Amino acid sequence: MIEKNNTITLKSIKEHIEISQKVVESMIDNVTAVASVCALAIKNGKKILLFGNGGSAADAQHIAAELSGRFLIERRGLPGLALTTDTSVLTAVGNDYGFDMIFERQVEALANEGDILIGISTSGNSPNVVKAIEKGNELGCISIGFLGKEGGKLKNICEYPLIVPSSTTARIQEMHIMIGHIICEYIDQESF
């Protein structure tokens, strides 16, 4: 039994390392550009709003917490908001307008021109993430997609689509957290 589990563990770790290397080879310039854009927005008093479904919702909350609390250094709290956490808003909007609009309505209510929107979708096709990015684009927000697979619909509507070169959801999510942490570290180093 242990040998079989070791095989599964080793396979997952090797896949993680392989995808990490692909990210380095194909995405380093784009990740650096996005981190720079986020740091500049924070310096200019803008917010970072994050959203996604399921594991991507958890990732949005994780990165928002790193910004609002702290990441690597002691600093003031930064305006990082996960649009996945307010159950009253989620259920009211979901009930009154439909699940596809739960993030769009919050973007409409909270986002201002120049704010950063980070839509997280491993497929790039989540309708509620697509609608929120479209609304943010109308408002003059800077749209970033943490995506996977082929990038889906979001690759064509995000100003900065970051497409993890994998079709395995778990590996995509691992890279999304890594990219989010890189952005947080960049903000810490550039802003403070």
C-alpha atoms as a PDB file:
ATOM      1  CA  MET A   1       0.000   0.000   0.000  1.00  0.00           C
ATOM      2  CA  ILE A   2       2.800   2.453   0.924  1.00  0.00           C
ATOM      3  CA  GLU A   3       4.572   1.728  -2.360  1.00  0.00           C
ATOM      4  CA  LYS A   4       1.414   2.527  -4.363  1.00  0.00           C
ATOM      5  CA  ASN A   5       0.912   5.744  -2.377  1.00  0.00           C
ATOM      6  CA  ASN A   6       4.542   6.702  -2.939  1.00  0.00           C
ATOM      7  CA  THR A   7       3.979   6.240  -6.681  1.00  0.00           C
ATOM      8  CA  ILE A   8       0.966   8.568  -6.601  1.00  0.00           C
ATOM      9  CA  THR A   9       2.861  11.103  -4.494  1.00  0.00           C
ATOM     10  CA  LEU A  10       5.927  11.010  -6.714  1.00  0.00           C
ATOM     11  CA  LYS A  11       3.801  11.384  -9.859  1.00  0.00           C
ATOM     12  CA  SER A  12       2.028  14.465  -8.451  1.00  0.00           C
ATOM     13  CA  ILE A  13       5.279  16.091  -7.331  1.00  0.00           C
ATOM     14  CA  LYS A  14       6.925  15.437 -10.705  1.00  0.00           C
ATOM     15  CA  GLU A  15       3.912  16.930 -12.511  1.00  0.00           C
ATOM     16  CA  HIS A  16       4.101  19.993 -10.255  1.00  0.00           C
ATOM     17  CA  ILE A  17       7.801  20.470 -11.009  1.00  0.00           C
ATOM     18  CA  GLU A  18       7.215  19.967 -14.745  1.00  0.00           C
ATOM     19  CA  ILE A  19       4.419  22.566 -14.860  1.00  0.00           C
ATOM     20  CA  SER A  20       6.478  24.966 -12.719  1.00  0.00           C
ATOM     21  CA  GLN A  21       9.295  24.702 -15.258  1.00  0.00           C
ATOM     22  CA  LYS A  22       6.864  25.380 -18.112  1.00  0.00           C
ATOM     23  CA  VAL A  23       5.615  28.459 -16.264  1.00  0.00           C
ATOM     24  CA  VAL A  24       9.202  29.696 -15.937  1.00  0.00           C
ATOM     25  CA  GLU A  25       9.881  29.077 -19.627  1.00  0.00           C
ATOM     26  CA  SER A  26       6.667  30.510 -21.070  1.00  0.00           C
ATOM     27  CA  MET A  27       5.159  32.929 -18.544  1.00  0.00           C
ATOM     28  CA  ILE A  28       7.910  34.710 -16.614  1.00  0.00           C
ATOM     29  CA  ASP A  29       7.666  37.982 -18.564  1.00  0.00           C
ATOM     30  CA  ASN A  30       3.861  38.055 -18.332  1.00  0.00           C
ATOM     31  CA  VAL A  31       3.841  37.261 -14.602  1.00  0.00           C
ATOM     32  CA  THR A  32       6.421  39.990 -13.984  1.00  0.00           C
ATOM     33  CA  ALA A  33       4.374  42.484 -16.021  1.00  0.00           C
ATOM     34  CA  VAL A  34       1.210  41.632 -14.068  1.00  0.00           C
ATOM     35  CA  ALA A  35       3.047  41.922 -10.736  1.00  0.00           C
ATOM     36  CA  SER A  36       4.344  45.345 -11.788  1.00  0.00           C
ATOM     37  CA  VAL A  37       0.862  46.501 -12.838  1.00  0.00           C
ATOM     38  CA  CYS A  38      -0.561  45.344  -9.493  1.00  0.00           C
ATOM     39  CA  ALA A  39       2.180  47.090  -7.496  1.00  0.00           C
ATOM     40  CA  LEU A  40       1.626  50.327  -9.417  1.00  0.00           C
ATOM     41  CA  ALA A  41      -2.120  50.151  -8.833  1.00  0.00           C
ATOM     42  CA  ILE A  42      -1.581  49.713  -5.084  1.00  0.00           C
ATOM     43  CA  LYS A  43       0.877  52.657  -5.070  1.00  0.00           C
ATOM     44  CA  ASN A  44      -1.820  54.726  -6.789  1.00  0.00           C
ATOM     45  CA  GLY A  45      -4.427  53.908  -4.144  1.00  0.00           C
ATOM     46  CA  LYS A  46      -6.349  51.333  -6.183  1.00  0.00           C
ATOM     47  CA  LYS A  47      -7.889  48.045  -5.054  1.00  0.00           C
ATOM     48  CA  ILE A  48      -7.339  44.454  -6.121  1.00  0.00           C
ATOM     49  CA  LEU A  49     -10.589  42.471  -6.381  1.00  0.00           C
ATOM     50  CA  LEU A  50     -10.337  38.697  -6.802  1.00  0.00           C
ATOM     51  CA  PHE A  51     -12.992  36.097  -7.623  1.00  0.00           C
ATOM     52  CA  GLY A  52     -13.520  32.552  -8.832  1.00  0.00           C
ATOM     53  CA  ASN A  53     -15.516  29.398  -8.084  1.00  0.00           C
ATOM     54  CA  GLY A  54     -14.739  26.380  -5.891  1.00  0.00           C
ATOM     55  CA  GLY A  55     -10.997  26.016  -5.367  1.00  0.00           C
ATOM     56  CA  SER A  56     -10.509  29.260  -7.286  1.00  0.00           C
ATOM     57  CA  ALA A  57     -12.765  31.005  -4.734  1.00  0.00           C
ATOM     58  CA  ALA A  58     -10.449  29.737  -2.008  1.00  0.00           C
ATOM     59  CA  ASP A  59      -7.447  30.976  -4.003  1.00  0.00           C
ATOM     60  CA  ALA A  60      -9.074  34.426  -4.312  1.00  0.00           C
ATOM     61  CA  GLN A  61      -9.582  34.533  -0.546  1.00  0.00           C
ATOM     62  CA  HIS A  62      -6.015  33.353   0.090  1.00  0.00           C
ATOM     63  CA  ILE A  63      -4.430  36.104  -2.012  1.00  0.00           C
ATOM     64  CA  ALA A  64      -6.802  38.784  -0.658  1.00  0.00           C
ATOM     65  CA  ALA A  65      -5.767  37.772   2.871  1.00  0.00           C
ATOM     66  CA  GLU A  66      -2.065  38.053   1.965  1.00  0.00           C
ATOM     67  CA  LEU A  67      -2.735  41.628   0.807  1.00  0.00           C
ATOM     68  CA  SER A  68      -5.043  42.738   3.622  1.00  0.00           C
ATOM     69  CA  GLY A  69      -3.001  41.091   6.355  1.00  0.00           C
ATOM     70  CA  ARG A  70       0.619  40.804   5.416  1.00  0.00           C
ATOM     71  CA  PHE A  71       2.761  38.702   3.164  1.00  0.00           C
ATOM     72  CA  LEU A  72       6.521  38.836   3.823  1.00  0.00           C
ATOM     73  CA  ILE A  73       6.982  42.131   5.624  1.00  0.00           C
ATOM     74  CA  GLU A  74       5.221  44.189   8.259  1.00  0.00           C
ATOM     75  CA  ARG A  75       3.325  46.892   6.403  1.00  0.00           C
ATOM     76  CA  ARG A  76      -0.066  48.528   6.375  1.00  0.00           C
ATOM     77  CA  GLY A  77      -2.971  46.420   5.194  1.00  0.00           C
ATOM     78  CA  LEU A  78      -3.631  46.677   1.475  1.00  0.00           C
ATOM     79  CA  PRO A  79      -7.003  46.755  -0.306  1.00  0.00           C
ATOM     80  CA  GLY A  80      -7.329  43.161  -1.467  1.00  0.00           C
ATOM     81  CA  LEU A  81     -10.935  41.970  -1.619  1.00  0.00           C
ATOM     82  CA  ALA A  82     -12.248  38.497  -2.374  1.00  0.00           C
ATOM     83  CA  LEU A  83     -15.700  38.772  -3.931  1.00  0.00           C
ATOM     84  CA  THR A  84     -16.344  35.177  -2.884  1.00  0.00           C
ATOM     85  CA  THR A  85     -16.872  35.717   0.835  1.00  0.00           C
ATOM     86  CA  ASP A  86     -20.051  37.715   1.446  1.00  0.00           C
ATOM     87  CA  THR A  87     -22.758  35.059   1.659  1.00  0.00           C
ATOM     88  CA  SER A  88     -25.551  37.628   1.866  1.00  0.00           C
ATOM     89  CA  VAL A  89     -24.482  39.250  -1.390  1.00  0.00           C
ATOM     90  CA  LEU A  90     -23.809  35.915  -3.084  1.00  0.00           C
ATOM     91  CA  THR A  91     -27.194  34.467  -2.138  1.00  0.00           C
ATOM     92  CA  ALA A  92     -29.193  37.660  -2.762  1.00  0.00           C
ATOM     93  CA  VAL A  93     -27.648  38.275  -6.186  1.00  0.00           C
ATOM     94  CA  GLY A  94     -27.784  34.567  -7.022  1.00  0.00           C
ATOM     95  CA  ASN A  95     -31.451  34.440  -6.076  1.00  0.00           C
ATOM     96  CA  ASP A  96     -32.522  37.745  -7.635  1.00  0.00           C
ATOM     97  CA  TYR A  97     -30.357  37.825 -10.760  1.00  0.00           C
ATOM     98  CA  GLY A  98     -28.825  34.368 -11.166  1.00  0.00           C
ATOM     99  CA  PHE A  99     -25.507  32.757 -10.270  1.00  0.00           C
ATOM    100  CA  ASP A 100     -23.895  34.083 -13.458  1.00  0.00           C
ATOM    101  CA  MET A 101     -24.137  37.635 -12.073  1.00  0.00           C
ATOM    102  CA  ILE A 102     -22.762  37.171  -8.533  1.00  0.00           C
ATOM    103  CA  PHE A 103     -19.401  38.745  -9.318  1.00  0.00           C
ATOM    104  CA  GLU A 104     -20.602  41.199 -11.979  1.00  0.00           C
ATOM    105  CA  ARG A 105     -22.915  42.967  -9.520  1.00  0.00           C
ATOM    106  CA  GLN A 106     -20.122  43.248  -6.954  1.00  0.00           C
ATOM    107  CA  VAL A 107     -17.708  44.613  -9.553  1.00  0.00           C
ATOM    108  CA  GLU A 108     -20.361  47.155 -10.551  1.00  0.00           C
ATOM    109  CA  ALA A 109     -20.797  48.163  -6.888  1.00  0.00           C
ATOM    110  CA  LEU A 110     -17.172  48.158  -5.705  1.00  0.00           C
ATOM    111  CA  ALA A 111     -14.780  48.650  -8.619  1.00  0.00           C
ATOM    112  CA  ASN A 112     -13.471  51.953  -9.868  1.00  0.00           C
ATOM    113  CA  GLU A 113     -11.442  52.892 -12.896  1.00  0.00           C
ATOM    114  CA  GLY A 114      -7.860  51.663 -12.519  1.00  0.00           C
ATOM    115  CA  ASP A 115      -8.705  48.977  -9.961  1.00  0.00           C
ATOM    116  CA  ILE A 116      -7.327  45.505 -10.623  1.00  0.00           C
ATOM    117  CA  LEU A 117      -9.690  42.580 -11.245  1.00  0.00           C
ATOM    118  CA  ILE A 118      -8.240  39.088 -10.972  1.00  0.00           C
ATOM    119  CA  GLY A 119     -10.665  36.538 -12.338  1.00  0.00           C
ATOM    120  CA  ILE A 120      -9.627  32.973 -11.551  1.00  0.00           C
ATOM    121  CA  SER A 121     -10.918  30.135 -13.733  1.00  0.00           C
ATOM    122  CA  THR A 122      -9.014  26.952 -14.522  1.00  0.00           C
ATOM    123  CA  SER A 123     -11.060  26.510 -17.718  1.00  0.00           C
ATOM    124  CA  GLY A 124     -11.290  30.198 -18.587  1.00  0.00           C
ATOM    125  CA  ASN A 125     -14.997  29.720 -19.260  1.00  0.00           C
ATOM    126  CA  SER A 126     -16.780  30.323 -15.933  1.00  0.00           C
ATOM    127  CA  PRO A 127     -19.786  32.481 -16.931  1.00  0.00           C
ATOM    128  CA  ASN A 128     -19.831  34.503 -13.698  1.00  0.00           C
ATOM    129  CA  VAL A 129     -16.121  35.280 -14.006  1.00  0.00           C
ATOM    130  CA  VAL A 130     -16.529  36.217 -17.686  1.00  0.00           C
ATOM    131  CA  LYS A 131     -19.409  38.611 -16.879  1.00  0.00           C
ATOM    132  CA  ALA A 132     -17.450  40.244 -14.055  1.00  0.00           C
ATOM    133  CA  ILE A 133     -14.418  40.823 -16.275  1.00  0.00           C
ATOM    134  CA  GLU A 134     -16.643  42.271 -18.998  1.00  0.00           C
ATOM    135  CA  LYS A 135     -18.223  44.665 -16.470  1.00  0.00           C
ATOM    136  CA  GLY A 136     -14.801  45.641 -15.148  1.00  0.00           C
ATOM    137  CA  ASN A 137     -13.574  46.346 -18.661  1.00  0.00           C
ATOM    138  CA  GLU A 138     -16.567  48.672 -19.155  1.00  0.00           C
ATOM    139  CA  LEU A 139     -15.629  50.496 -15.931  1.00  0.00           C
ATOM    140  CA  GLY A 140     -11.981  50.967 -16.936  1.00  0.00           C
ATOM    141  CA  CYS A 141     -10.542  48.354 -14.562  1.00  0.00           C
ATOM    142  CA  ILE A 142      -7.387  46.434 -15.374  1.00  0.00           C
ATOM    143  CA  SER A 143      -8.414  42.816 -15.982  1.00  0.00           C
ATOM    144  CA  ILE A 144      -6.174  39.863 -15.207  1.00  0.00           C
ATOM    145  CA  GLY A 145      -7.108  36.229 -15.750  1.00  0.00           C
ATOM    146  CA  PHE A 146      -5.535  33.390 -13.797  1.00  0.00           C
ATOM    147  CA  LEU A 147      -6.396  30.687 -16.339  1.00  0.00           C
ATOM    148  CA  GLY A 148      -5.476  27.200 -17.461  1.00  0.00           C
ATOM    149  CA  LYS A 149      -5.991  24.748 -20.289  1.00  0.00           C
ATOM    150  CA  GLU A 150      -6.413  26.839 -23.475  1.00  0.00           C
ATOM    151  CA  GLY A 151      -7.499  30.005 -21.647  1.00  0.00           C
ATOM    152  CA  GLY A 152     -11.147  29.732 -22.671  1.00  0.00           C
ATOM    153  CA  LYS A 153     -13.274  32.815 -23.305  1.00  0.00           C
ATOM    154  CA  LEU A 154     -11.359  34.836 -20.726  1.00  0.00           C
ATOM    155  CA  LYS A 155      -8.098  34.780 -22.678  1.00  0.00           C
ATOM    156  CA  ASN A 156      -9.714  37.086 -25.240  1.00  0.00           C
ATOM    157  CA  ILE A 157     -11.288  39.565 -22.832  1.00  0.00           C
ATOM    158  CA  CYS A 158      -8.645  39.905 -20.095  1.00  0.00           C
ATOM    159  CA  GLU A 159      -6.023  42.568 -20.620  1.00  0.00           C
ATOM    160  CA  TYR A 160      -3.526  40.204 -19.006  1.00  0.00           C
ATOM    161  CA  PRO A 161      -4.398  36.520 -19.482  1.00  0.00           C
ATOM    162  CA  LEU A 162      -2.026  34.285 -17.509  1.00  0.00           C
ATOM    163  CA  ILE A 163      -2.603  30.809 -18.944  1.00  0.00           C
ATOM    164  CA  VAL A 164      -0.966  27.976 -17.019  1.00  0.00           C
ATOM    165  CA  PRO A 165       0.179  25.397 -19.594  1.00  0.00           C
ATOM    166  CA  SER A 166      -1.683  22.405 -18.160  1.00  0.00           C
ATOM    167  CA  SER A 167      -5.053  20.705 -18.414  1.00  0.00           C
ATOM    168  CA  THR A 168      -4.906  19.231 -14.896  1.00  0.00           C
ATOM    169  CA  THR A 169      -7.004  21.352 -12.527  1.00  0.00           C
ATOM    170  CA  ALA A 170      -4.879  20.636  -9.433  1.00  0.00           C
ATOM    171  CA  ARG A 171      -1.637  21.653 -11.169  1.00  0.00           C
ATOM    172  CA  ILE A 172      -3.285  24.810 -12.581  1.00  0.00           C
ATOM    173  CA  GLN A 173      -4.494  25.804  -9.116  1.00  0.00           C
ATOM    174  CA  GLU A 174      -1.035  25.230  -7.638  1.00  0.00           C
ATOM    175  CA  MET A 175       0.448  27.595 -10.215  1.00  0.00           C
ATOM    176  CA  HIS A 176      -2.300  30.172  -9.583  1.00  0.00           C
ATOM    177  CA  ILE A 177      -1.333  30.317  -5.909  1.00  0.00           C
ATOM    178  CA  MET A 178       2.345  30.569  -6.841  1.00  0.00           C
ATOM    179  CA  ILE A 179       1.585  33.460  -9.224  1.00  0.00           C
ATOM    180  CA  GLY A 180      -0.546  35.151  -6.562  1.00  0.00           C
ATOM    181  CA  HIS A 181       2.304  34.856  -4.081  1.00  0.00           C
ATOM    182  CA  ILE A 182       4.745  36.314  -6.622  1.00  0.00           C
ATOM    183  CA  ILE A 183       2.414  39.303  -7.072  1.00  0.00           C
ATOM    184  CA  CYS A 184       2.220  39.776  -3.286  1.00  0.00           C
ATOM    185  CA  GLU A 185       5.994  39.571  -2.932  1.00  0.00           C
ATOM    186  CA  TYR A 186       6.469  42.047  -5.775  1.00  0.00           C
ATOM    187  CA  ILE A 187       4.014  44.462  -4.156  1.00  0.00           C
ATOM    188  CA  ASP A 188       5.842  44.153  -0.813  1.00  0.00           C
ATOM    189  CA  GLN A 189       9.240  44.807  -2.371  1.00  0.00           C
ATOM    190  CA  GLU A 190       8.196  47.561  -4.777  1.00  0.00           C
ATOM    191  CA  SER A 191       5.805  49.442  -2.513  1.00  0.00           C
ATOM    192  CA  PHE A 192       7.446  49.246   0.886  1.00  0.00           C
END
